[in-house]
Amino acid sequence: MESGPAIYAGTVFCLFGAGLLAWTVSRARQHRPVALGVSRVPSATVAGAVALVSLALGAWCFGRL
């Protein structure tokens, strides 16, 4: 019964993390800021960290199955 929510949460975390990481890498390669009105380095650092944490949470959710 508890595997359904874990699968859903893991999928959401992994999709969000992968999308954010792809966006961050794409913007960093173009030498453009990730967030509007913020310099490149801090915005890429924070976005990259959030993406990695999200991917780790997704992996943890899948590991709980």
PDB file of N, CA and C in Angstrom:
ATOM      1  N   MET A   1       0.819  -1.192   0.000  1.00  0.00           N
ATOM      2  CA  MET A   1       0.000   0.000   0.000  1.00  0.00           C
ATOM      3  C   MET A   1       0.866   1.261   0.000  1.00  0.00           C
ATOM      4  N   GLU A   2       2.004   1.234   0.664  1.00  0.00           N
ATOM      5  CA  GLU A   2       2.832   2.428   0.741  1.00  0.00           C
ATOM      6  C   GLU A   2       3.767   2.578  -0.444  1.00  0.00           C
ATOM      7  N   SER A   3       3.840   1.587  -1.321  1.00  0.00           N
ATOM      8  CA  SER A   3       4.744   1.705  -2.455  1.00  0.00           C
ATOM      9  C   SER A   3       4.212   2.686  -3.508  1.00  0.00           C
ATOM     10  N   GLY A   4       2.907   2.848  -3.593  1.00  0.00           N
ATOM     11  CA  GLY A   4       2.329   3.786  -4.563  1.00  0.00           C
ATOM     12  C   GLY A   4       2.768   5.220  -4.327  1.00  0.00           C
ATOM     13  N   PRO A   5       2.618   5.750  -3.116  1.00  0.00           N
ATOM     14  CA  PRO A   5       3.089   7.113  -2.862  1.00  0.00           C
ATOM     15  C   PRO A   5       4.602   7.264  -3.003  1.00  0.00           C
ATOM     16  N   ALA A   6       5.354   6.234  -2.656  1.00  0.00           N
ATOM     17  CA  ALA A   6       6.812   6.316  -2.789  1.00  0.00           C
ATOM     18  C   ALA A   6       7.208   6.378  -4.261  1.00  0.00           C
ATOM     19  N   ILE A   7       6.534   5.612  -5.090  1.00  0.00           N
ATOM     20  CA  ILE A   7       6.823   5.636  -6.522  1.00  0.00           C
ATOM     21  C   ILE A   7       6.460   7.002  -7.103  1.00  0.00           C
ATOM     22  N   TYR A   8       5.318   7.531  -6.717  1.00  0.00           N
ATOM     23  CA  TYR A   8       4.881   8.837  -7.212  1.00  0.00           C
ATOM     24  C   TYR A   8       5.850   9.935  -6.766  1.00  0.00           C
ATOM     25  N   ALA A   9       6.186   9.961  -5.486  1.00  0.00           N
ATOM     26  CA  ALA A   9       7.082  10.998  -4.966  1.00  0.00           C
ATOM     27  C   ALA A   9       8.468  10.876  -5.600  1.00  0.00           C
ATOM     28  N   GLY A  10       8.968   9.660  -5.730  1.00  0.00           N
ATOM     29  CA  GLY A  10      10.278   9.466  -6.347  1.00  0.00           C
ATOM     30  C   GLY A  10      10.299   9.926  -7.788  1.00  0.00           C
ATOM     31  N   THR A  11       9.230   9.638  -8.506  1.00  0.00           N
ATOM     32  CA  THR A  11       9.139  10.068  -9.904  1.00  0.00           C
ATOM     33  C   THR A  11       9.102  11.590 -10.006  1.00  0.00           C
ATOM     34  N   VAL A  12       8.316  12.222  -9.157  1.00  0.00           N
ATOM     35  CA  VAL A  12       8.215  13.688  -9.189  1.00  0.00           C
ATOM     36  C   VAL A  12       9.559  14.330  -8.846  1.00  0.00           C
ATOM     37  N   PHE A  13      10.209  13.846  -7.797  1.00  0.00           N
ATOM     38  CA  PHE A  13      11.509  14.404  -7.416  1.00  0.00           C
ATOM     39  C   PHE A  13      12.536  14.212  -8.527  1.00  0.00           C
ATOM     40  N   CYS A  14      12.570  13.026  -9.128  1.00  0.00           N
ATOM     41  CA  CYS A  14      13.553  12.762 -10.184  1.00  0.00           C
ATOM     42  C   CYS A  14      13.281  13.588 -11.436  1.00  0.00           C
ATOM     43  N   LEU A  15      12.030  13.716 -11.828  1.00  0.00           N
ATOM     44  CA  LEU A  15      11.712  14.524 -13.005  1.00  0.00           C
ATOM     45  C   LEU A  15      12.038  15.993 -12.781  1.00  0.00           C
ATOM     46  N   PHE A  16      11.696  16.509 -11.603  1.00  0.00           N
ATOM     47  CA  PHE A  16      12.003  17.903 -11.293  1.00  0.00           C
ATOM     48  C   PHE A  16      13.512  18.126 -11.258  1.00  0.00           C
ATOM     49  N   GLY A  17      14.233  17.241 -10.593  1.00  0.00           N
ATOM     50  CA  GLY A  17      15.687  17.378 -10.499  1.00  0.00           C
ATOM     51  C   GLY A  17      16.359  17.298 -11.847  1.00  0.00           C
ATOM     52  N   ALA A  18      15.922  16.359 -12.680  1.00  0.00           N
ATOM     53  CA  ALA A  18      16.513  16.216 -14.012  1.00  0.00           C
ATOM     54  C   ALA A  18      16.210  17.432 -14.885  1.00  0.00           C
ATOM     55  N   GLY A  19      14.978  17.925 -14.818  1.00  0.00           N
ATOM     56  CA  GLY A  19      14.613  19.106 -15.596  1.00  0.00           C
ATOM     57  C   GLY A  19      15.378  20.340 -15.156  1.00  0.00           C
ATOM     58  N   LEU A  20      15.506  20.529 -13.855  1.00  0.00           N
ATOM     59  CA  LEU A  20      16.233  21.684 -13.339  1.00  0.00           C
ATOM     60  C   LEU A  20      17.718  21.586 -13.668  1.00  0.00           C
ATOM     61  N   LEU A  21      18.267  20.383 -13.582  1.00  0.00           N
ATOM     62  CA  LEU A  21      19.672  20.203 -13.913  1.00  0.00           C
ATOM     63  C   LEU A  21      19.915  20.455 -15.401  1.00  0.00           C
ATOM     64  N   ALA A  22      19.018  19.993 -16.255  1.00  0.00           N
ATOM     65  CA  ALA A  22      19.151  20.237 -17.698  1.00  0.00           C
ATOM     66  C   ALA A  22      19.056  21.736 -17.996  1.00  0.00           C
ATOM     67  N   TRP A  23      18.130  22.423 -17.346  1.00  0.00           N
ATOM     68  CA  TRP A  23      17.971  23.864 -17.535  1.00  0.00           C
ATOM     69  C   TRP A  23      19.232  24.603 -17.074  1.00  0.00           C
ATOM     70  N   THR A  24      19.764  24.221 -15.932  1.00  0.00           N
ATOM     71  CA  THR A  24      20.952  24.874 -15.388  1.00  0.00           C
ATOM     72  C   THR A  24      22.153  24.677 -16.295  1.00  0.00           C
ATOM     73  N   VAL A  25      22.366  23.460 -16.759  1.00  0.00           N
ATOM     74  CA  VAL A  25      23.501  23.179 -17.647  1.00  0.00           C
ATOM     75  C   VAL A  25      23.336  23.921 -18.972  1.00  0.00           C
ATOM     76  N   SER A  26      22.127  23.939 -19.503  1.00  0.00           N
ATOM     77  CA  SER A  26      21.869  24.632 -20.763  1.00  0.00           C
ATOM     78  C   SER A  26      22.166  26.122 -20.642  1.00  0.00           C
ATOM     79  N   ARG A  27      21.690  26.736 -19.574  1.00  0.00           N
ATOM     80  CA  ARG A  27      21.919  28.172 -19.393  1.00  0.00           C
ATOM     81  C   ARG A  27      23.392  28.470 -19.092  1.00  0.00           C
ATOM     82  N   ALA A  28      24.043  27.603 -18.331  1.00  0.00           N
ATOM     83  CA  ALA A  28      25.453  27.841 -17.999  1.00  0.00           C
ATOM     84  C   ALA A  28      26.333  27.723 -19.238  1.00  0.00           C
ATOM     85  N   ARG A  29      26.024  26.799 -20.126  1.00  0.00           N
ATOM     86  CA  ARG A  29      26.810  26.656 -21.360  1.00  0.00           C
ATOM     87  C   ARG A  29      26.643  27.856 -22.279  1.00  0.00           C
ATOM     88  N   GLN A  30      25.517  28.524 -22.200  1.00  0.00           N
ATOM     89  CA  GLN A  30      25.275  29.708 -23.020  1.00  0.00           C
ATOM     90  C   GLN A  30      25.794  30.972 -22.339  1.00  0.00           C
ATOM     91  N   HIS A  31      26.388  30.836 -21.163  1.00  0.00           N
ATOM     92  CA  HIS A  31      26.895  31.965 -20.373  1.00  0.00           C
ATOM     93  C   HIS A  31      25.783  32.965 -20.065  1.00  0.00           C
ATOM     94  N   ARG A  32      24.633  32.430 -19.704  1.00  0.00           N
ATOM     95  CA  ARG A  32      23.489  33.256 -19.332  1.00  0.00           C
ATOM     96  C   ARG A  32      23.080  32.908 -17.907  1.00  0.00           C
ATOM     97  N   PRO A  33      22.462  33.843 -17.189  1.00  0.00           N
ATOM     98  CA  PRO A  33      22.040  33.540 -15.818  1.00  0.00           C
ATOM     99  C   PRO A  33      20.890  32.534 -15.798  1.00  0.00           C
ATOM    100  N   VAL A  34      20.853  31.734 -14.772  1.00  0.00           N
ATOM    101  CA  VAL A  34      19.796  30.740 -14.620  1.00  0.00           C
ATOM    102  C   VAL A  34      18.509  31.416 -14.158  1.00  0.00           C
ATOM    103  N   ALA A  35      18.643  32.378 -13.264  1.00  0.00           N
ATOM    104  CA  ALA A  35      17.490  33.109 -12.741  1.00  0.00           C
ATOM    105  C   ALA A  35      17.576  34.563 -13.200  1.00  0.00           C
ATOM    106  N   LEU A  36      16.449  35.151 -13.469  1.00  0.00           N
ATOM    107  CA  LEU A  36      16.393  36.520 -13.950  1.00  0.00           C
ATOM    108  C   LEU A  36      16.790  37.490 -12.839  1.00  0.00           C
ATOM    109  N   GLY A  37      17.709  38.370 -13.129  1.00  0.00           N
ATOM    110  CA  GLY A  37      18.117  39.386 -12.177  1.00  0.00           C
ATOM    111  C   GLY A  37      19.175  38.934 -11.183  1.00  0.00           C
ATOM    112  N   VAL A  38      19.755  37.753 -11.383  1.00  0.00           N
ATOM    113  CA  VAL A  38      20.775  37.234 -10.480  1.00  0.00           C
ATOM    114  C   VAL A  38      22.007  36.914 -11.316  1.00  0.00           C
ATOM    115  N   SER A  39      23.186  37.116 -10.741  1.00  0.00           N
ATOM    116  CA  SER A  39      24.400  36.834 -11.515  1.00  0.00           C
ATOM    117  C   SER A  39      24.530  35.339 -11.801  1.00  0.00           C
ATOM    118  N   ARG A  40      25.368  35.022 -12.767  1.00  0.00           N
ATOM    119  CA  ARG A  40      25.453  33.649 -13.281  1.00  0.00           C
ATOM    120  C   ARG A  40      25.919  32.637 -12.252  1.00  0.00           C
ATOM    121  N   VAL A  41      27.002  32.907 -11.566  1.00  0.00           N
ATOM    122  CA  VAL A  41      27.614  31.902 -10.692  1.00  0.00           C
ATOM    123  C   VAL A  41      26.717  31.531  -9.508  1.00  0.00           C
ATOM    124  N   PRO A  42      26.200  32.502  -8.747  1.00  0.00           N
ATOM    125  CA  PRO A  42      25.347  32.091  -7.614  1.00  0.00           C
ATOM    126  C   PRO A  42      24.063  31.394  -8.057  1.00  0.00           C
ATOM    127  N   SER A  43      23.467  31.851  -9.148  1.00  0.00           N
ATOM    128  CA  SER A  43      22.222  31.220  -9.576  1.00  0.00           C
ATOM    129  C   SER A  43      22.460  29.797 -10.063  1.00  0.00           C
ATOM    130  N   ALA A  44      23.551  29.565 -10.774  1.00  0.00           N
ATOM    131  CA  ALA A  44      23.866  28.214 -11.232  1.00  0.00           C
ATOM    132  C   ALA A  44      24.230  27.312 -10.061  1.00  0.00           C
ATOM    133  N   THR A  45      24.911  27.854  -9.070  1.00  0.00           N
ATOM    134  CA  THR A  45      25.288  27.066  -7.897  1.00  0.00           C
ATOM    135  C   THR A  45      24.061  26.635  -7.106  1.00  0.00           C
ATOM    136  N   VAL A  46      23.177  27.567  -6.831  1.00  0.00           N
ATOM    137  CA  VAL A  46      21.980  27.245  -6.051  1.00  0.00           C
ATOM    138  C   VAL A  46      21.066  26.297  -6.831  1.00  0.00           C
ATOM    139  N   ALA A  47      20.864  26.570  -8.107  1.00  0.00           N
ATOM    140  CA  ALA A  47      20.001  25.706  -8.911  1.00  0.00           C
ATOM    141  C   ALA A  47      20.592  24.304  -9.042  1.00  0.00           C
ATOM    142  N   GLY A  48      21.889  24.216  -9.215  1.00  0.00           N
ATOM    143  CA  GLY A  48      22.539  22.910  -9.297  1.00  0.00           C
ATOM    144  C   GLY A  48      22.430  22.133  -7.996  1.00  0.00           C
ATOM    145  N   ALA A  49      22.583  22.836  -6.871  1.00  0.00           N
ATOM    146  CA  ALA A  49      22.460  22.179  -5.570  1.00  0.00           C
ATOM    147  C   ALA A  49      21.037  21.684  -5.341  1.00  0.00           C
ATOM    148  N   VAL A  50      20.052  22.495  -5.692  1.00  0.00           N
ATOM    149  CA  VAL A  50      18.648  22.082  -5.529  1.00  0.00           C
ATOM    150  C   VAL A  50      18.334  20.895  -6.432  1.00  0.00           C
ATOM    151  N   ALA A  51      18.874  20.899  -7.643  1.00  0.00           N
ATOM    152  CA  ALA A  51      18.649  19.781  -8.558  1.00  0.00           C
ATOM    153  C   ALA A  51      19.249  18.492  -8.012  1.00  0.00           C
ATOM    154  N   LEU A  52      20.452  18.573  -7.480  1.00  0.00           N
ATOM    155  CA  LEU A  52      21.092  17.375  -6.926  1.00  0.00           C
ATOM    156  C   LEU A  52      20.375  16.869  -5.675  1.00  0.00           C
ATOM    157  N   VAL A  53      19.908  17.774  -4.840  1.00  0.00           N
ATOM    158  CA  VAL A  53      19.140  17.364  -3.659  1.00  0.00           C
ATOM    159  C   VAL A  53      17.837  16.695  -4.083  1.00  0.00           C
ATOM    160  N   SER A  54      17.200  17.245  -5.087  1.00  0.00           N
ATOM    161  CA  SER A  54      15.955  16.653  -5.578  1.00  0.00           C
ATOM    162  C   SER A  54      16.191  15.263  -6.153  1.00  0.00           C
ATOM    163  N   LEU A  55      17.265  15.099  -6.912  1.00  0.00           N
ATOM    164  CA  LEU A  55      17.590  13.775  -7.449  1.00  0.00           C
ATOM    165  C   LEU A  55      17.919  12.793  -6.326  1.00  0.00           C
ATOM    166  N   ALA A  56      18.612  13.268  -5.298  1.00  0.00           N
ATOM    167  CA  ALA A  56      18.931  12.403  -4.162  1.00  0.00           C
ATOM    168  C   ALA A  56      17.659  11.992  -3.411  1.00  0.00           C
ATOM    169  N   LEU A  57      16.722  12.917  -3.251  1.00  0.00           N
ATOM    170  CA  LEU A  57      15.448  12.579  -2.600  1.00  0.00           C
ATOM    171  C   LEU A  57      14.661  11.571  -3.427  1.00  0.00           C
ATOM    172  N   GLY A  58      14.683  11.724  -4.735  1.00  0.00           N
ATOM    173  CA  GLY A  58      14.018  10.760  -5.602  1.00  0.00           C
ATOM    174  C   GLY A  58      14.636   9.378  -5.480  1.00  0.00           C
ATOM    175  N   ALA A  59      15.966   9.327  -5.450  1.00  0.00           N
ATOM    176  CA  ALA A  59      16.651   8.038  -5.283  1.00  0.00           C
ATOM    177  C   ALA A  59      16.339   7.437  -3.916  1.00  0.00           C
ATOM    178  N   TRP A  60      16.259   8.277  -2.894  1.00  0.00           N
ATOM    179  CA  TRP A  60      15.917   7.784  -1.554  1.00  0.00           C
ATOM    180  C   TRP A  60      14.497   7.212  -1.538  1.00  0.00           C
ATOM    181  N   CYS A  61      13.571   7.888  -2.198  1.00  0.00           N
ATOM    182  CA  CYS A  61      12.186   7.383  -2.264  1.00  0.00           C
ATOM    183  C   CYS A  61      12.132   6.035  -2.969  1.00  0.00           C
ATOM    184  N   PHE A  62      12.888   5.899  -4.063  1.00  0.00           N
ATOM    185  CA  PHE A  62      12.897   4.619  -4.772  1.00  0.00           C
ATOM    186  C   PHE A  62      13.609   3.550  -3.956  1.00  0.00           C
ATOM    187  N   GLY A  63      14.569   3.957  -3.147  1.00  0.00           N
ATOM    188  CA  GLY A  63      15.274   3.008  -2.294  1.00  0.00           C
ATOM    189  C   GLY A  63      14.427   2.481  -1.154  1.00  0.00           C
ATOM    190  N   ARG A  64      13.368   3.192  -0.826  1.00  0.00           N
ATOM    191  CA  ARG A  64      12.475   2.793   0.279  1.00  0.00           C
ATOM    192  C   ARG A  64      11.466   1.736  -0.146  1.00  0.00           C
ATOM    193  N   LEU A  65      11.430   1.384  -1.436  1.00  0.00           N
ATOM    194  CA  LEU A  65      10.453   0.403  -1.900  1.00  0.00           C
ATOM    195  C   LEU A  65      10.760  -0.949  -1.382  1.00  0.00           C
TER     196      LEU A  65
END
